């Protein structure tokens, strides 16, 4: 048995599949599918297991999964569906026709038809044959073709990342989804929490026709079962301290847990089930190496570089502070080091940030307004160029929110830090 079959980041797991905490959601999902005429809307943070949840219930063979990323029109979306489903949409039609004409009488010929000097009249008689072909493209109503092919079937269209669809296109997509649902086509949409109402906002007529299933990051008890089951399959023994550290490190993400466990095995130079029970080292160095190896696969290097530099200064150099590690740094360096401290956390209240900053700084610390300003700026810089918000600063509540566990992990374990 290979480690890649046991720990499967990005794929539906078999040996490490855990759904005990999702049984109520699973029942609600199945009931809505059986009822029919309903749009299932799955909402949850990035890397929280939404896609695996849907695939496990519907079955990979019955799922027509497409992404909303880059969709600028309804036709583009349905063409993606047809491609995944293997539905032919060739509308070319070749028409051939033979024509025989009899020419007679006088014909006036000039220019390129015949080389004649000057201009005059000649008598022409006889027959000529011709064969022509033409290709006709008929206009296709993609929505009606979709309904025709998929209504009242076992297939389910899964539009992942609905919020990535261009805002100006979402209205048309929601309207057509409603019509398709009315005709018996099954739909599931997925989005992140702060875009969970995009489908409803795009078409208010869907109100009362949507079943919302909300996800959150996984509880400790469920996350812990992934390494417990996986390491057992591979004949590896993990100390409870190692399991606790793994659970804490992944900040609720089952996908990140799969990745980290896989890299623990690779750090041990183990790629398949071992014959004899083998202990996983408890040493700090081993654990750190496994985490650094994992951080390479979660590359946020360009984003982190922007956060470390902060916004461009306008002629005034930032104040430098002496840090407990012997280095000096400005408020942005200090803030990122504070975020990277133990224990891992995705949500930081202002008071907690200040406590962490005191740990990072040797004596003097940045003033409160400098800290809150830096929080606002790193959130803006983090989201620059992203298709989704990966960090947010709530000025009203003074909360810094990291919305991707992979970003937090990279801040904590990137090579430049270690």
Protein backbone atom coordinates (compact mmCIF):
# COMPACT_ATOMS: atom_id res chain seq x y z
CA UNK A 1 0.00 0.00 0.00
CA UNK A 2 1.47 3.36 -1.05
CA UNK A 3 1.40 6.48 1.12
CA UNK A 4 -0.14 8.33 -1.83
CA UNK A 5 -3.15 6.01 -1.65
CA UNK A 6 -3.58 6.64 2.07
CA UNK A 7 -3.05 10.40 2.31
CA UNK A 8 -4.67 12.07 -0.69
CA UNK A 9 -4.62 15.89 -0.65
CA UNK A 10 -6.76 17.18 -3.51
CA UNK A 11 -8.50 13.83 -4.06
CA UNK A 12 -11.31 11.95 -2.36
CA UNK A 13 -9.74 9.84 0.41
CA UNK A 14 -10.53 6.18 0.99
CA UNK A 15 -8.50 4.95 3.95
CA UNK A 16 -8.59 8.33 5.70
CA UNK A 17 -12.14 9.33 4.86
CA UNK A 18 -13.88 10.87 7.89
CA UNK A 19 -17.48 12.05 7.93
CA UNK A 20 -18.79 11.34 11.44
CA UNK A 21 -19.32 15.05 12.10
CA UNK A 22 -21.08 15.52 8.75
CA UNK A 23 -23.87 12.94 9.07
CA UNK A 24 -26.62 15.52 9.66
CA UNK A 25 -25.44 17.57 6.70
CA UNK A 26 -25.30 14.42 4.59
CA UNK A 27 -28.91 13.56 5.45
CA UNK A 28 -30.09 17.10 4.64
CA UNK A 29 -28.25 16.94 1.32
CA UNK A 30 -29.75 13.57 0.36
CA UNK A 31 -33.26 14.65 1.37
CA UNK A 32 -33.05 17.76 -0.81
CA UNK A 33 -31.84 15.73 -3.79
CA UNK A 34 -34.67 13.22 -3.37
CA UNK A 35 -37.26 15.98 -2.99
CA UNK A 36 -36.21 17.58 -6.28
CA UNK A 37 -36.83 21.10 -7.50
CA UNK A 38 -34.29 22.50 -5.01
CA UNK A 39 -30.89 24.12 -5.47
CA UNK A 40 -28.33 22.86 -2.97
CA UNK A 41 -25.99 25.66 -1.91
CA UNK A 42 -22.85 24.53 -0.06
CA UNK A 43 -21.06 27.29 1.80
CA UNK A 44 -17.80 26.94 3.69
CA UNK A 45 -14.27 28.29 4.00
CA UNK A 46 -11.52 27.31 1.60
CA UNK A 47 -10.02 23.81 2.14
CA UNK A 48 -12.81 22.75 4.53
CA UNK A 49 -13.83 19.62 2.58
CA UNK A 50 -16.87 20.86 0.61
CA UNK A 51 -15.94 19.19 -2.67
CA UNK A 52 -15.03 15.85 -1.08
CA UNK A 53 -18.36 15.92 0.80
CA UNK A 54 -20.34 16.38 -2.44
CA UNK A 55 -18.36 13.77 -4.40
CA UNK A 56 -18.77 11.17 -1.67
CA UNK A 57 -22.56 11.50 -1.62
CA UNK A 58 -23.25 11.76 -5.34
CA UNK A 59 -20.44 9.54 -6.58
CA UNK A 60 -17.74 10.65 -8.99
CA UNK A 61 -19.46 8.90 -11.90
CA UNK A 62 -22.67 10.89 -11.44
CA UNK A 63 -21.08 14.27 -10.77
CA UNK A 64 -20.59 16.85 -13.51
CA UNK A 65 -18.17 19.18 -11.78
CA UNK A 66 -17.27 22.58 -13.26
CA UNK A 67 -15.64 25.68 -11.82
CA UNK A 68 -17.11 29.16 -11.96
CA UNK A 69 -13.64 30.66 -12.39
CA UNK A 70 -13.35 32.73 -15.55
CA UNK A 71 -16.98 32.31 -16.61
CA UNK A 72 -18.13 35.42 -18.48
CA UNK A 73 -21.39 34.12 -19.98
CA UNK A 74 -23.99 31.40 -19.47
CA UNK A 75 -22.95 29.76 -22.73
CA UNK A 76 -19.39 29.36 -21.42
CA UNK A 77 -20.69 27.64 -18.30
CA UNK A 78 -22.95 25.21 -20.18
CA UNK A 79 -20.17 24.44 -22.68
CA UNK A 80 -18.00 23.41 -19.75
CA UNK A 81 -20.82 21.17 -18.52
CA UNK A 82 -21.21 19.58 -21.98
CA UNK A 83 -17.46 18.97 -22.19
CA UNK A 84 -17.30 17.23 -18.80
CA UNK A 85 -20.49 15.25 -19.49
CA UNK A 86 -19.36 14.23 -22.98
CA UNK A 87 -22.43 15.76 -24.63
CA UNK A 88 -21.94 16.45 -28.35
CA UNK A 89 -22.92 19.91 -29.52
CA UNK A 90 -21.77 19.72 -33.16
CA UNK A 91 -24.24 21.78 -35.18
CA UNK A 92 -22.42 21.76 -38.53
CA UNK A 93 -24.51 20.68 -41.46
CA UNK A 94 -23.02 20.17 -44.94
CA UNK A 95 -25.35 20.75 -47.89
CA UNK A 96 -24.37 19.64 -51.37
CA UNK A 97 -26.23 20.47 -54.54
CA UNK A 98 -25.69 19.83 -58.26
CA UNK A 99 -26.79 22.44 -60.76
CA UNK A 100 -27.05 22.25 -64.55
CA UNK A 101 -27.65 25.38 -66.51
CA UNK A 102 -28.18 25.95 -70.23
CA UNK A 103 -26.77 29.11 -71.56
CA UNK A 104 -27.96 30.59 -74.81
CA UNK A 105 -28.44 33.85 -76.62
CA UNK A 106 -26.16 36.79 -76.51
CA UNK A 107 -23.73 37.33 -73.70
CA UNK A 108 -21.74 40.41 -73.06
CA UNK A 109 -18.30 39.46 -71.70
CA UNK A 110 -15.87 41.86 -70.20
CA UNK A 111 -13.02 41.80 -67.70
CA UNK A 112 -11.80 38.66 -66.01
CA UNK A 113 -14.22 36.02 -67.24
CA UNK A 114 -12.64 35.90 -70.66
CA UNK A 115 -9.75 37.67 -72.26
CA UNK A 116 -11.35 39.78 -74.92
CA UNK A 117 -9.90 42.91 -76.34
CA UNK A 118 -12.42 45.60 -76.25
CA UNK A 119 -16.07 44.90 -75.78
CA UNK A 120 -18.57 43.06 -78.00
CA UNK A 121 -21.36 40.50 -78.24
CA UNK A 122 -21.05 36.75 -78.89
CA UNK A 123 -23.50 33.89 -79.09
CA UNK A 124 -23.11 31.16 -76.39
CA UNK A 125 -25.02 27.92 -76.14
CA UNK A 126 -24.51 24.64 -74.28
CA UNK A 127 -24.66 23.31 -70.73
CA UNK A 128 -22.52 23.66 -67.68
CA UNK A 129 -22.53 21.65 -64.45
CA UNK A 130 -21.56 22.78 -60.99
CA UNK A 131 -21.31 21.26 -57.56
CA UNK A 132 -21.31 23.39 -54.44
CA UNK A 133 -21.14 22.67 -50.76
CA UNK A 134 -21.87 24.89 -47.80
CA UNK A 135 -21.59 24.58 -44.08
CA UNK A 136 -24.43 25.96 -42.02
CA UNK A 137 -24.14 26.75 -38.33
CA UNK A 138 -27.47 26.64 -36.60
CA UNK A 139 -27.99 28.73 -33.48
CA UNK A 140 -28.13 26.50 -30.39
CA UNK A 141 -30.07 27.17 -27.21
CA UNK A 142 -27.57 25.68 -24.78
CA UNK A 143 -29.96 25.83 -21.85
CA UNK A 144 -32.61 23.79 -23.67
CA UNK A 145 -29.99 21.28 -24.78
CA UNK A 146 -28.84 21.00 -21.16
CA UNK A 147 -32.38 20.36 -19.99
CA UNK A 148 -33.02 17.84 -22.75
CA UNK A 149 -29.89 15.82 -21.95
CA UNK A 150 -29.86 15.94 -18.14
CA UNK A 151 -33.42 16.31 -16.83
CA UNK A 152 -34.68 13.45 -14.65
CA UNK A 153 -31.32 11.66 -14.79
CA UNK A 154 -28.96 10.56 -12.03
CA UNK A 155 -26.44 13.23 -12.99
CA UNK A 156 -25.85 16.30 -10.82
CA UNK A 157 -24.20 19.51 -12.01
CA UNK A 158 -21.79 20.83 -9.40
CA UNK A 159 -20.83 24.48 -9.93
CA UNK A 160 -17.86 24.93 -7.63
CA UNK A 161 -16.79 28.47 -6.68
CA UNK A 162 -19.99 30.09 -7.96
CA UNK A 163 -18.67 33.41 -6.61
CA UNK A 164 -15.89 33.35 -9.23
CA UNK A 165 -18.44 33.78 -12.03
CA UNK A 166 -18.35 37.37 -13.31
CA UNK A 167 -20.77 39.45 -11.26
CA UNK A 168 -22.57 40.73 -14.36
CA UNK A 169 -23.13 37.12 -15.49
CA UNK A 170 -24.39 35.70 -12.19
CA UNK A 171 -27.93 37.02 -12.73
CA UNK A 172 -28.33 35.15 -16.04
CA UNK A 173 -26.75 31.99 -14.63
CA UNK A 174 -29.08 32.00 -11.60
CA UNK A 175 -32.12 32.57 -13.80
CA UNK A 176 -31.20 29.70 -16.10
CA UNK A 177 -30.38 27.41 -13.17
CA UNK A 178 -33.88 28.06 -11.81
CA UNK A 179 -35.45 27.16 -15.16
CA UNK A 180 -33.35 23.99 -15.42
CA UNK A 181 -34.27 22.95 -11.87
CA UNK A 182 -37.95 23.46 -12.70
CA UNK A 183 -37.51 21.02 -15.61
CA UNK A 184 -35.81 18.32 -13.49
CA UNK A 185 -32.07 19.07 -13.71
CA UNK A 186 -30.18 18.70 -10.42
CA UNK A 187 -27.76 21.44 -9.31
CA UNK A 188 -25.32 21.99 -6.46
CA UNK A 189 -23.44 25.27 -6.05
CA UNK A 190 -20.50 25.88 -3.71
CA UNK A 191 -18.98 29.12 -2.46
CA UNK A 192 -17.04 30.62 0.43
CA UNK A 193 -18.99 32.06 3.42
CA UNK A 194 -18.81 35.75 2.53
CA UNK A 195 -20.27 34.90 -0.91
CA UNK A 196 -22.81 32.34 0.30
CA UNK A 197 -25.79 34.44 -0.82
CA UNK A 198 -24.49 35.27 -4.30
CA UNK A 199 -26.86 32.77 -5.96
CA UNK A 200 -29.89 34.15 -4.12
CA UNK A 201 -28.78 37.74 -4.65
CA UNK A 202 -28.54 37.04 -8.37
CA UNK A 203 -32.13 35.76 -8.54
CA UNK A 204 -34.57 36.47 -5.70
CA UNK A 205 -37.03 34.01 -7.27
CA UNK A 206 -34.83 31.22 -5.90
CA UNK A 207 -35.85 32.14 -2.36
CA UNK A 208 -37.62 29.14 -0.89
CA UNK A 209 -36.00 26.91 -3.51
CA UNK A 210 -32.52 26.81 -1.93
CA UNK A 211 -31.27 24.37 0.69
CA UNK A 212 -28.22 25.90 2.39
CA UNK A 213 -25.66 23.58 3.93
CA UNK A 214 -23.02 25.48 5.86
CA UNK A 215 -19.52 24.14 6.47
CA UNK A 216 -16.91 25.25 8.93
CA UNK A 217 -13.37 24.14 9.63
CA UNK A 218 -13.26 20.69 11.16
CA UNK A 219 -13.35 20.01 14.91
CA UNK A 220 -10.26 18.57 16.60
CA UNK A 221 -11.83 15.14 17.16
CA UNK A 222 -12.53 14.65 13.44
CA UNK A 223 -9.20 16.01 12.23
CA UNK A 224 -7.34 13.69 14.58
CA UNK A 225 -8.89 10.63 12.92
CA UNK A 226 -7.08 11.36 9.63
CA UNK A 227 -3.53 10.73 10.97
CA UNK A 228 -4.75 8.02 13.33
CA UNK A 229 -6.30 5.98 10.53
CA UNK A 230 -3.67 6.75 7.93
CA UNK A 231 -0.62 5.99 10.04
CA UNK A 232 -2.25 2.78 11.26
CA UNK A 233 -2.75 1.63 7.65
CA UNK A 234 0.95 2.26 6.98
CA UNK A 235 2.07 0.51 10.20
CA UNK A 236 3.40 3.78 11.65
CA UNK A 237 2.98 4.74 15.28
CA UNK A 238 2.39 8.38 16.22
CA UNK A 239 2.79 9.66 19.76
CA UNK A 240 -0.19 11.59 21.16
CA UNK A 241 2.00 14.71 21.24
CA UNK A 242 2.63 14.37 17.51
CA UNK A 243 -1.07 13.96 16.81
CA UNK A 244 -1.88 17.02 18.93
CA UNK A 245 0.72 19.07 17.07
CA UNK A 246 -0.60 18.00 13.66
CA UNK A 247 -4.17 18.87 14.59
CA UNK A 248 -3.15 22.26 15.92
CA UNK A 249 -1.01 23.07 12.90
CA UNK A 250 -3.63 22.60 10.17
CA UNK A 251 -6.10 25.12 11.64
CA UNK A 252 -9.18 23.00 10.92
CA UNK A 253 -8.39 22.08 7.30
CA UNK A 254 -8.74 18.37 6.42
CA UNK A 255 -6.95 18.94 3.10
CA UNK A 256 -3.95 20.51 4.80
CA UNK A 257 -3.93 17.60 7.27
CA UNK A 258 -3.72 15.15 4.37
CA UNK A 259 -0.78 17.13 2.92
CA UNK A 260 1.06 17.37 6.23
CA UNK A 261 0.67 13.66 7.02
CA UNK A 262 1.92 12.78 3.54
CA UNK A 263 5.02 14.90 4.10
CA UNK A 264 5.63 13.30 7.50
CA UNK A 265 5.93 9.99 5.63
CA UNK A 266 8.20 11.50 2.98
CA UNK A 267 10.41 13.03 5.66
CA UNK A 268 10.75 9.51 7.10
CA UNK A 269 11.68 8.36 3.58
CA UNK A 270 8.72 5.98 3.66
CA UNK A 271 6.61 5.61 0.53
CA UNK A 272 4.66 2.48 1.25
CA UNK A 273 3.41 0.40 4.16
CA UNK A 274 6.30 -0.79 6.34
CA UNK A 275 6.64 -4.42 7.37
CA UNK A 276 7.46 -3.70 11.01
CA UNK A 277 5.75 -1.15 13.28
CA UNK A 278 7.74 2.08 13.08
CA UNK A 279 7.63 5.03 15.45
CA UNK A 280 7.32 8.54 14.08
CA UNK A 281 10.02 10.69 15.74
CA UNK A 282 8.82 13.15 18.36
CA UNK A 283 11.80 15.48 17.90
CA UNK A 284 11.28 19.16 17.16
CA UNK A 285 13.73 19.02 14.24
CA UNK A 286 11.83 16.20 12.52
CA UNK A 287 8.48 17.96 12.96
CA UNK A 288 9.91 21.26 11.69
CA UNK A 289 11.41 19.59 8.62
CA UNK A 290 8.07 17.97 7.78
CA UNK A 291 6.32 21.33 8.09
CA UNK A 292 8.90 23.14 5.95
CA UNK A 293 8.52 20.41 3.31
CA UNK A 294 4.75 20.96 3.41
CA UNK A 295 5.10 24.75 3.13
CA UNK A 296 6.83 24.30 -0.22
CA UNK A 297 3.58 22.86 -1.60
CA UNK A 298 1.54 25.79 -0.24
CA UNK A 299 3.65 28.42 -1.97
CA UNK A 300 2.57 31.93 -1.03
CA UNK A 301 6.07 33.35 -1.49
CA UNK A 302 5.16 36.34 -3.66
CA UNK A 303 2.26 37.23 -1.37
CA UNK A 304 4.41 37.00 1.75
CA UNK A 305 7.09 39.18 0.14
CA UNK A 306 4.49 41.90 -0.42
CA UNK A 307 3.31 41.65 3.18
CA UNK A 308 6.85 41.88 4.53
CA UNK A 309 7.59 44.98 2.43
CA UNK A 310 4.29 46.66 3.26
CA UNK A 311 2.94 49.54 1.17
CA UNK A 312 5.37 51.98 -0.39
CA UNK A 313 6.56 54.68 1.98
CA UNK A 314 6.17 58.34 1.09
CA UNK A 315 9.53 59.73 2.00
CA UNK A 316 9.48 58.80 5.70
CA UNK A 317 11.34 55.70 6.81
CA UNK A 318 9.41 53.34 9.07
CA UNK A 319 10.42 53.06 12.69
CA UNK A 320 12.62 50.03 13.37
CA UNK A 321 12.26 48.02 16.59
CA UNK A 322 14.67 45.63 18.24
CA UNK A 323 13.29 42.08 18.30
CA UNK A 324 13.81 39.27 20.78
CA UNK A 325 15.64 37.21 18.13
CA UNK A 326 18.35 39.89 17.95
CA UNK A 327 17.16 41.35 14.64
CA UNK A 328 15.39 44.64 13.97
CA UNK A 329 12.17 45.12 12.02
CA UNK A 330 9.34 47.50 11.25
CA UNK A 331 5.68 47.07 12.14
CA UNK A 332 5.03 44.73 9.17
CA UNK A 333 7.86 42.38 10.09
CA UNK A 334 6.67 42.40 13.69
CA UNK A 335 3.03 41.75 12.77
CA UNK A 336 3.90 38.75 10.57
CA UNK A 337 6.14 37.29 13.28
CA UNK A 338 3.31 37.74 15.77
CA UNK A 339 0.91 35.87 13.46
CA UNK A 340 3.48 33.06 13.12
CA UNK A 341 3.73 32.41 16.87
CA UNK A 342 2.23 29.37 18.59
CA UNK A 343 -0.53 28.41 18.79
CA UNK A 344 -1.69 28.65 15.15
CA UNK A 345 -4.78 30.83 14.80
CA UNK A 346 -6.89 32.10 11.90
CA UNK A 347 -8.64 34.87 13.85
CA UNK A 348 -6.82 37.50 15.86
CA UNK A 349 -8.49 40.07 18.06
CA UNK A 350 -6.60 43.33 18.58
CA UNK A 351 -5.75 42.56 22.21
CA UNK A 352 -4.31 39.17 21.27
CA UNK A 353 -2.21 40.73 18.54
CA UNK A 354 -0.78 43.23 21.02
CA UNK A 355 0.14 40.42 23.41
CA UNK A 356 1.91 38.55 20.63
CA UNK A 357 3.70 41.70 19.48
CA UNK A 358 5.08 42.17 23.01
CA UNK A 359 6.52 38.67 22.74
CA UNK A 360 8.21 39.50 19.44
CA UNK A 361 9.68 42.86 20.52
CA UNK A 362 12.52 43.21 22.98
CA UNK A 363 11.41 46.52 24.54
CA UNK A 364 9.50 49.17 22.59
CA UNK A 365 6.51 48.12 20.48
CA UNK A 366 4.59 49.83 17.67
CA UNK A 367 1.74 52.10 18.82
CA UNK A 368 -1.86 50.92 18.45
CA UNK A 369 -2.67 53.05 15.40
CA UNK A 370 0.42 51.71 13.64
CA UNK A 371 -0.69 48.11 14.34
CA UNK A 372 -4.27 48.60 13.12
CA UNK A 373 -3.02 50.43 10.03
CA UNK A 374 -0.63 47.58 9.27
CA UNK A 375 -3.48 45.06 9.67
CA UNK A 376 -5.54 46.96 7.10
CA UNK A 377 -2.65 47.21 4.67
CA UNK A 378 -1.50 43.57 4.84
CA UNK A 379 -5.10 42.45 4.21
CA UNK A 380 -5.28 44.67 1.14
CA UNK A 381 -1.87 43.51 -0.08
CA UNK A 382 -2.72 39.84 0.51
CA UNK A 383 -5.88 40.10 -1.57
CA UNK A 384 -4.24 42.03 -4.40
CA UNK A 385 -4.27 39.85 -7.50
CA UNK A 386 -6.24 37.05 -5.80
CA UNK A 387 -9.57 35.78 -7.11
CA UNK A 388 -10.88 35.58 -3.55
CA UNK A 389 -10.27 37.29 -0.23
CA UNK A 390 -7.62 35.37 1.73
CA UNK A 391 -7.29 37.90 4.53
CA UNK A 392 -9.55 40.58 6.02
CA UNK A 393 -9.31 43.31 8.63
CA UNK A 394 -12.59 44.17 10.39
CA UNK A 395 -12.00 47.72 11.60
CA UNK A 396 -15.31 47.82 13.47
CA UNK A 397 -14.49 44.75 15.54
CA UNK A 398 -10.69 45.03 15.42
CA UNK A 399 -10.29 41.47 14.16
CA UNK A 400 -7.70 40.19 11.67
CA UNK A 401 -9.13 37.20 9.82
CA UNK A 402 -6.97 34.81 7.76
CA UNK A 403 -9.32 32.99 5.39
CA UNK A 404 -6.96 30.37 3.99
CA UNK A 405 -5.21 27.90 6.34
CA UNK A 406 -2.53 27.43 3.69
CA UNK A 407 -1.57 31.10 3.95
CA UNK A 408 -1.26 30.86 7.74
CA UNK A 409 0.80 27.69 7.37
CA UNK A 410 3.14 29.35 4.89
CA UNK A 411 3.62 32.39 7.14
CA UNK A 412 4.61 30.01 9.95
CA UNK A 413 6.84 27.60 8.00
CA UNK A 414 8.27 29.26 4.88
CA UNK A 415 12.00 28.62 4.40
CA UNK A 416 12.98 32.28 4.83
CA UNK A 417 11.64 32.08 8.38
CA UNK A 418 13.50 28.91 9.32
